[in-house]
Amino acid sequence: METINVRNVAAGLPRAWSSRILGQAGGACVKVLRMDDGGLEEEAHDTAEALFVLDGCLELAVEGVPVAVRAGELYVVPPNTSHAVRRGSHGVLVVIERGRAG
């Protein structure tokens, strides 16, 4: 397997908030996406979701509480926890989630 330039993959995505699977490891799916200023609706998953900000800042609302995740930081959303992306998020986000390839 060769290395993957995650920033280049994110830059090549057709639109913000669309993701591309980079690979799978130990039952987890690793994806990348490019964030823009727009927010996303609240959601919850039955498994934990790890959010690693490569560049920029991810503005979350977790159970209604604002959380800022900056470049180089990782935030793990626990299972069954309501979370939404707030406006102002921008940059490159790596998402690691168990068994979800879509």
Protein backbone atom coordinates (compact mmCIF):
# COMPACT_ATOMS: atom_id res chain seq x y z
CA MET A 1 0.00 0.00 0.00
CA GLU A 2 1.25 3.46 -0.78
CA THR A 3 0.84 6.60 1.28
CA ILE A 4 -2.18 8.86 0.87
CA ASN A 5 -1.94 12.64 0.78
CA VAL A 6 -5.09 13.37 2.77
CA ARG A 7 -5.08 17.11 2.03
CA ASN A 8 -4.90 16.45 -1.72
CA VAL A 9 -7.76 13.94 -1.54
CA ALA A 10 -9.89 16.48 0.35
CA ALA A 11 -9.05 19.22 -2.16
CA GLY A 12 -10.15 16.95 -5.01
CA LEU A 13 -13.60 16.21 -3.60
CA PRO A 14 -16.45 17.53 -5.76
CA ARG A 15 -18.08 19.55 -2.97
CA ALA A 16 -17.82 20.35 0.71
CA TRP A 17 -19.19 17.76 3.15
CA SER A 18 -18.90 14.93 0.60
CA SER A 19 -16.54 12.27 1.89
CA ARG A 20 -14.15 9.75 0.43
CA ILE A 21 -13.15 6.52 2.08
CA LEU A 22 -9.39 6.34 2.58
CA GLY A 23 -9.35 2.81 3.93
CA GLN A 24 -10.52 0.42 6.60
CA ALA A 25 -8.67 -0.89 9.64
CA GLY A 26 -9.82 -3.14 12.44
CA GLY A 27 -13.47 -2.83 11.46
CA ALA A 28 -13.31 0.96 11.29
CA CYS A 29 -13.81 3.08 8.19
CA VAL A 30 -11.47 6.07 7.72
CA LYS A 31 -12.87 8.91 5.62
CA VAL A 32 -11.85 12.44 4.70
CA LEU A 33 -14.00 15.43 3.85
CA ARG A 34 -13.64 19.13 3.23
CA MET A 35 -15.64 21.43 5.47
CA ASP A 36 -17.08 24.79 4.49
CA ASP A 37 -18.86 27.46 6.54
CA GLY A 38 -22.20 25.66 6.43
CA GLY A 39 -23.55 23.56 9.24
CA LEU A 40 -25.06 20.09 9.25
CA GLU A 41 -28.18 18.83 10.99
CA GLU A 42 -28.10 17.03 14.29
CA GLU A 43 -27.49 13.28 14.22
CA ALA A 44 -26.56 10.41 16.51
CA HIS A 45 -24.97 7.03 15.77
CA ASP A 46 -25.11 3.72 17.60
CA THR A 47 -21.30 3.58 17.68
CA ALA A 48 -18.63 6.12 18.63
CA GLU A 49 -17.30 8.44 15.92
CA ALA A 50 -13.80 9.95 16.04
CA LEU A 51 -13.37 13.36 14.40
CA PHE A 52 -9.79 14.50 13.70
CA VAL A 53 -9.32 18.01 12.35
CA LEU A 54 -6.33 18.04 10.01
CA ASP A 55 -6.70 21.71 9.01
CA GLY A 56 -9.07 24.45 10.16
CA CYS A 57 -11.69 24.14 12.88
CA LEU A 58 -14.76 21.97 13.43
CA GLU A 59 -17.52 23.76 15.33
CA LEU A 60 -19.81 21.22 16.98
CA ALA A 61 -22.85 21.26 19.20
CA VAL A 62 -22.74 18.09 21.32
CA GLU A 63 -25.96 17.52 23.27
CA GLY A 64 -26.51 21.26 22.68
CA VAL A 65 -23.13 22.31 24.13
CA PRO A 66 -20.73 24.18 21.78
CA VAL A 67 -17.40 22.40 21.20
CA ALA A 68 -14.58 23.76 19.01
CA VAL A 69 -12.13 21.17 17.66
CA ARG A 70 -9.05 22.83 16.17
CA ALA A 71 -6.34 21.64 13.77
CA GLY A 72 -4.41 18.75 15.26
CA GLU A 73 -7.16 17.91 17.75
CA LEU A 74 -9.34 14.81 17.98
CA TYR A 75 -12.86 14.63 19.39
CA VAL A 76 -14.63 11.32 20.00
CA VAL A 77 -18.42 11.50 19.95
CA PRO A 78 -19.75 8.74 22.24
CA PRO A 79 -22.38 6.31 20.95
CA ASN A 80 -25.97 7.58 20.87
CA THR A 81 -24.88 11.18 21.49
CA SER A 82 -26.67 13.95 19.58
CA HIS A 83 -24.26 16.19 17.72
CA ALA A 84 -24.46 18.76 14.93
CA VAL A 85 -21.93 20.76 12.93
CA ARG A 86 -22.31 24.47 13.54
CA ARG A 87 -21.70 27.23 11.01
CA GLY A 88 -18.10 28.44 10.90
CA SER A 89 -16.54 25.00 10.44
CA HIS A 90 -13.83 24.97 7.78
CA GLY A 91 -10.81 22.94 6.68
CA VAL A 92 -10.14 19.21 6.39
CA LEU A 93 -11.74 16.59 8.63
CA VAL A 94 -10.84 12.91 9.02
CA VAL A 95 -13.71 10.75 10.31
CA ILE A 96 -13.14 7.32 11.84
CA GLU A 97 -16.28 5.29 12.39
CA ARG A 98 -16.90 1.64 13.05
CA GLY A 99 -18.17 -0.45 10.19
CA ARG A 100 -19.77 2.36 8.18
CA ALA A 101 -18.52 2.44 4.63
CA GLY A 102 -21.06 4.94 3.32
